[in-house]
């Protein structure tokens, strides 16, 4: 069984799929050692660990794929990779998808922001016309061929045009062949419920939980009770590691030892 097939089979199950965010190979191994059966590469985390910069579209396709490939090779569980906008037009998406499959990546997220994109919980986002994103998703479905790669269609339209437009775009994304709906950055539990009510029960929904983000920070159990099928905690590990490093280096500077 391939990693993609494994993820797709569990997507059809009853339990919510929890995806901790990895920002390098070491954090990925620690996620697997903790007992998780899947993980996620966070664009924010890759930008921070690679460039020391925020998630504002600075990493190229090659840089992102290289890091995702290394993480996928490091662990023995399915990896869902943040592939931003696909890095260009539908032709670029075809290349991105094919390289993800070669890298044994099990699922990808494709979003409808203009490039350069921004973290989904930052202000100042812009989105492309909905039909442009549909064309990218169709290219992704074509490019995966017989592979079980899970395609998660993200829209950032909630922050730009409102929740109704985000839902309309998501319906079009599902019709284009996407496997999972991802409406980024709902502002309340009521909005999370509205998104769930807008789709048939058999359409899997994806939630993004960022500490101090614009979406209420809920547990996986709470999201499962709301009807969500996948949840990512992309920055929890990065934030924890950052705090630990700050304390360690400050202690060394202050005390001259890490005893």
Protein backbone atom coordinates (compact mmCIF):
# COMPACT_ATOMS: atom_id res chain seq x y z
CA UNK A 1 0.00 0.00 0.00
CA UNK A 2 1.30 3.46 -0.90
CA UNK A 3 1.31 6.34 1.56
CA UNK A 4 -1.37 8.06 -0.52
CA UNK A 5 -3.59 4.97 -0.46
CA UNK A 6 -3.14 4.68 3.30
CA UNK A 7 -4.22 8.31 3.80
CA UNK A 8 -7.16 7.97 1.41
CA UNK A 9 -8.46 4.88 3.20
CA UNK A 10 -8.36 6.63 6.56
CA UNK A 11 -10.06 9.64 5.02
CA UNK A 12 -12.99 7.30 4.37
CA UNK A 13 -13.05 6.18 8.01
CA UNK A 14 -14.93 7.52 11.00
CA UNK A 15 -12.18 9.28 12.98
CA UNK A 16 -10.79 12.74 12.39
CA UNK A 17 -7.27 12.82 10.92
CA UNK A 18 -4.94 14.93 13.07
CA UNK A 19 -1.93 16.43 11.28
CA UNK A 20 0.87 17.94 13.39
CA UNK A 21 3.06 20.37 11.48
CA UNK A 22 6.70 19.48 10.74
CA UNK A 23 9.17 22.16 9.71
CA UNK A 24 12.20 19.89 9.16
CA UNK A 25 13.21 16.22 9.16
CA UNK A 26 13.92 16.14 12.90
CA UNK A 27 10.51 17.50 13.87
CA UNK A 28 8.93 15.02 11.43
CA UNK A 29 10.66 12.08 13.14
CA UNK A 30 9.53 13.31 16.54
CA UNK A 31 5.93 13.51 15.31
CA UNK A 32 6.11 9.91 14.14
CA UNK A 33 7.76 8.80 17.41
CA UNK A 34 4.92 10.42 19.36
CA UNK A 35 2.55 7.98 17.67
CA UNK A 36 0.92 10.03 14.92
CA UNK A 37 0.05 8.12 11.76
CA UNK A 38 0.33 11.17 9.50
CA UNK A 39 1.91 14.61 9.43
CA UNK A 40 2.00 17.93 7.58
CA UNK A 41 4.68 20.21 6.17
CA UNK A 42 3.90 23.77 7.16
CA UNK A 43 4.79 26.52 4.71
CA UNK A 44 5.16 28.94 7.62
CA UNK A 45 7.54 26.53 9.35
CA UNK A 46 9.59 25.88 6.21
CA UNK A 47 9.97 29.61 5.59
CA UNK A 48 10.96 30.23 9.19
CA UNK A 49 13.44 27.36 9.44
CA UNK A 50 14.94 27.88 5.98
CA UNK A 51 15.02 31.64 5.62
CA UNK A 52 14.19 33.04 9.05
CA UNK A 53 11.33 34.90 7.35
CA UNK A 54 7.52 34.88 7.60
CA UNK A 55 5.20 32.95 5.29
CA UNK A 56 4.82 35.55 2.53
CA UNK A 57 5.66 33.54 -0.59
CA UNK A 58 9.46 33.74 -0.40
CA UNK A 59 10.17 30.02 -0.88
CA UNK A 60 10.25 28.71 -4.45
CA UNK A 61 8.67 25.51 -5.71
CA UNK A 62 12.08 23.82 -5.83
CA UNK A 63 12.92 24.79 -2.24
CA UNK A 64 9.54 23.67 -0.91
CA UNK A 65 9.59 20.37 -2.79
CA UNK A 66 13.16 19.64 -1.69
CA UNK A 67 12.24 20.02 1.97
CA UNK A 68 8.98 18.11 1.64
CA UNK A 69 10.82 15.29 -0.15
CA UNK A 70 13.40 15.03 2.62
CA UNK A 71 10.68 14.88 5.26
CA UNK A 72 8.72 12.23 3.33
CA UNK A 73 11.86 10.09 3.07
CA UNK A 74 12.54 10.47 6.78
CA UNK A 75 9.29 9.00 8.10
CA UNK A 76 7.17 5.93 7.49
CA UNK A 77 3.77 7.62 7.67
CA UNK A 78 1.78 9.65 5.11
CA UNK A 79 2.79 13.27 4.57
CA UNK A 80 0.39 16.04 3.52
CA UNK A 81 2.41 18.87 1.98
CA UNK A 82 1.49 22.53 1.71
CA UNK A 83 2.10 23.30 -1.97
CA UNK A 84 0.87 26.89 -1.78
CA UNK A 85 -0.67 27.97 -5.11
CA UNK A 86 1.01 25.26 -7.16
CA UNK A 87 3.69 27.80 -8.14
CA UNK A 88 2.23 29.15 -11.37
CA UNK A 89 -0.45 28.26 -13.88
CA UNK A 90 -2.03 24.83 -14.49
CA UNK A 91 1.07 23.66 -16.35
CA UNK A 92 3.20 24.42 -13.29
CA UNK A 93 0.67 22.57 -11.14
CA UNK A 94 1.11 19.48 -13.31
CA UNK A 95 4.85 19.51 -12.63
CA UNK A 96 4.31 20.15 -8.91
CA UNK A 97 1.90 17.22 -8.58
CA UNK A 98 4.10 14.81 -10.52
CA UNK A 99 7.11 15.66 -8.38
CA UNK A 100 5.05 15.25 -5.21
CA UNK A 101 4.04 11.77 -6.32
CA UNK A 102 7.67 10.89 -7.08
CA UNK A 103 8.55 12.09 -3.58
CA UNK A 104 5.99 9.69 -1.99
CA UNK A 105 3.89 12.59 -0.70
CA UNK A 106 0.38 11.39 0.21
CA UNK A 107 -1.62 14.60 -0.03
CA UNK A 108 -1.24 18.22 -1.06
CA UNK A 109 -2.97 21.52 -0.40
CA UNK A 110 -3.53 23.91 -3.30
CA UNK A 111 -4.84 27.39 -2.50
CA UNK A 112 -6.45 30.19 -4.49
CA UNK A 113 -4.32 33.14 -3.36
CA UNK A 114 -2.45 35.37 -5.75
CA UNK A 115 1.31 34.86 -5.74
CA UNK A 116 3.18 35.81 -3.65
CA UNK A 117 0.80 34.33 -1.11
CA UNK A 118 0.57 35.05 2.60
CA UNK A 119 -0.07 32.92 5.67
CA UNK A 120 -3.80 32.25 5.85
CA UNK A 121 -4.15 34.06 9.17
CA UNK A 122 -2.34 37.23 8.06
CA UNK A 123 -4.05 40.35 6.70
CA UNK A 124 -3.58 41.61 3.16
CA UNK A 125 -4.40 38.44 1.22
CA UNK A 126 -5.60 38.50 -2.40
CA UNK A 127 -7.30 35.66 -4.28
CA UNK A 128 -7.42 34.74 -7.94
CA UNK A 129 -10.74 34.35 -9.78
CA UNK A 130 -12.46 31.15 -8.73
CA UNK A 131 -12.33 29.68 -12.24
CA UNK A 132 -8.55 30.09 -12.31
CA UNK A 133 -8.25 27.92 -9.22
CA UNK A 134 -10.66 25.38 -10.69
CA UNK A 135 -8.38 25.05 -13.71
CA UNK A 136 -5.41 24.38 -11.42
CA UNK A 137 -7.35 21.72 -9.55
CA UNK A 138 -8.36 20.03 -12.80
CA UNK A 139 -4.69 20.05 -13.81
CA UNK A 140 -3.78 18.45 -10.47
CA UNK A 141 -6.39 15.71 -10.89
CA UNK A 142 -5.14 15.03 -14.41
CA UNK A 143 -1.51 14.96 -13.31
CA UNK A 144 -2.01 12.47 -10.48
CA UNK A 145 -3.38 9.88 -12.90
CA UNK A 146 -3.96 6.59 -11.10
CA UNK A 147 -2.13 7.65 -7.96
CA UNK A 148 -4.21 8.03 -4.78
CA UNK A 149 -2.74 11.47 -3.98
CA UNK A 150 -5.29 13.37 -1.86
CA UNK A 151 -5.96 16.86 -3.23
CA UNK A 152 -7.14 19.39 -0.63
CA UNK A 153 -8.63 22.53 -2.17
CA UNK A 154 -8.09 25.59 -0.01
CA UNK A 155 -9.78 28.94 -0.47
CA UNK A 156 -8.75 32.15 1.28
CA UNK A 157 -11.80 34.02 -0.03
CA UNK A 158 -13.36 34.33 3.45
CA UNK A 159 -10.99 37.18 4.30
CA UNK A 160 -11.34 38.87 0.90
CA UNK A 161 -14.93 38.44 -0.30
CA UNK A 162 -16.73 36.85 2.64
CA UNK A 163 -17.88 33.41 3.72
CA UNK A 164 -20.55 32.96 1.04
CA UNK A 165 -17.98 33.38 -1.73
CA UNK A 166 -15.62 30.96 0.02
CA UNK A 167 -18.38 28.35 0.14
CA UNK A 168 -19.32 28.93 -3.51
CA UNK A 169 -15.69 28.50 -4.53
CA UNK A 170 -15.43 25.32 -2.48
CA UNK A 171 -18.44 23.80 -4.23
CA UNK A 172 -16.77 24.53 -7.56
CA UNK A 173 -13.53 23.00 -6.27
CA UNK A 174 -15.29 19.76 -5.34
CA UNK A 175 -16.96 19.64 -8.76
CA UNK A 176 -13.49 20.02 -10.29
CA UNK A 177 -12.40 16.82 -8.54
CA UNK A 178 -10.85 17.96 -5.25
CA UNK A 179 -11.08 15.41 -2.45
CA UNK A 180 -11.30 17.72 0.57
CA UNK A 181 -12.74 21.22 1.21
CA UNK A 182 -10.58 23.70 3.10
CA UNK A 183 -12.17 27.08 3.87
CA UNK A 184 -9.32 28.98 5.49
CA UNK A 185 -9.75 31.23 8.53
CA UNK A 186 -13.42 31.09 9.61
CA UNK A 187 -13.91 33.67 12.36
CA UNK A 188 -16.17 31.78 14.77
CA UNK A 189 -17.58 28.40 15.72
CA UNK A 190 -20.80 29.48 14.02
CA UNK A 191 -18.89 29.99 10.78
CA UNK A 192 -17.32 26.54 11.12
CA UNK A 193 -20.84 25.17 11.48
CA UNK A 194 -22.09 27.13 8.46
CA UNK A 195 -19.33 25.64 6.33
CA UNK A 196 -20.24 22.12 7.48
CA UNK A 197 -23.94 22.68 6.77
CA UNK A 198 -23.15 23.90 3.24
CA UNK A 199 -21.89 20.49 2.07
CA UNK A 200 -23.12 16.92 1.99
CA UNK A 201 -21.94 14.78 4.88
CA UNK A 202 -19.74 12.76 2.53
CA UNK A 203 -17.61 15.81 1.63
CA UNK A 204 -14.57 15.86 3.96
CA UNK A 205 -13.79 19.20 5.57
CA UNK A 206 -10.36 20.45 6.66
CA UNK A 207 -9.65 22.85 9.56
CA UNK A 208 -6.51 24.83 10.38
CA UNK A 209 -5.76 25.43 14.06
CA UNK A 210 -3.16 28.14 14.71
CA UNK A 211 -2.51 29.38 18.22
CA UNK A 212 -3.69 33.01 18.42
CA UNK A 213 -5.04 32.78 14.87
CA UNK A 214 -8.35 34.22 13.68
CA UNK A 215 -10.18 30.88 13.93
CA UNK A 216 -11.28 29.65 17.39
CA UNK A 217 -8.67 27.19 18.65
CA UNK A 218 -10.48 23.87 19.09
CA UNK A 219 -9.44 20.35 19.97
CA UNK A 220 -9.57 17.55 17.44
CA UNK A 221 -12.51 16.03 19.34
CA UNK A 222 -14.44 19.30 19.18
CA UNK A 223 -13.83 19.57 15.44
CA UNK A 224 -14.87 15.99 14.88
CA UNK A 225 -18.09 16.73 16.74
CA UNK A 226 -18.63 19.65 14.34
CA UNK A 227 -18.28 17.27 11.41
CA UNK A 228 -14.71 18.00 10.29
CA UNK A 229 -12.56 15.20 8.88
CA UNK A 230 -9.02 16.61 8.92
CA UNK A 231 -7.32 19.12 11.20
CA UNK A 232 -3.81 20.53 11.06
CA UNK A 233 -1.90 22.03 13.97
CA UNK A 234 0.85 23.49 11.78
CA UNK A 235 2.77 25.75 14.13
CA UNK A 236 2.50 24.12 17.56
CA UNK A 237 5.88 22.40 17.26
CA UNK A 238 7.60 25.42 15.74
CA UNK A 239 6.30 27.75 18.45
CA UNK A 240 7.32 25.33 21.22
CA UNK A 241 10.80 24.84 19.77
CA UNK A 242 11.26 28.58 19.32
CA UNK A 243 10.36 29.25 22.95
CA UNK A 244 12.73 26.52 24.15
CA UNK A 245 15.60 27.88 22.03
CA UNK A 246 14.99 31.40 23.29
CA UNK A 247 15.17 30.23 26.90
CA UNK A 248 18.29 28.15 26.29
CA UNK A 249 20.27 30.82 24.46
CA UNK A 250 19.21 33.51 26.92
CA UNK A 251 20.35 31.34 29.83
CA UNK A 252 23.70 30.69 28.14
CA UNK A 253 24.19 34.40 27.52
CA UNK A 254 23.15 35.36 31.04
CA UNK A 255 24.75 32.57 33.07
CA UNK A 256 27.53 31.37 30.82
CA UNK A 257 26.22 27.80 31.08
CA UNK A 258 23.22 25.67 30.18
CA UNK A 259 23.59 23.56 33.32
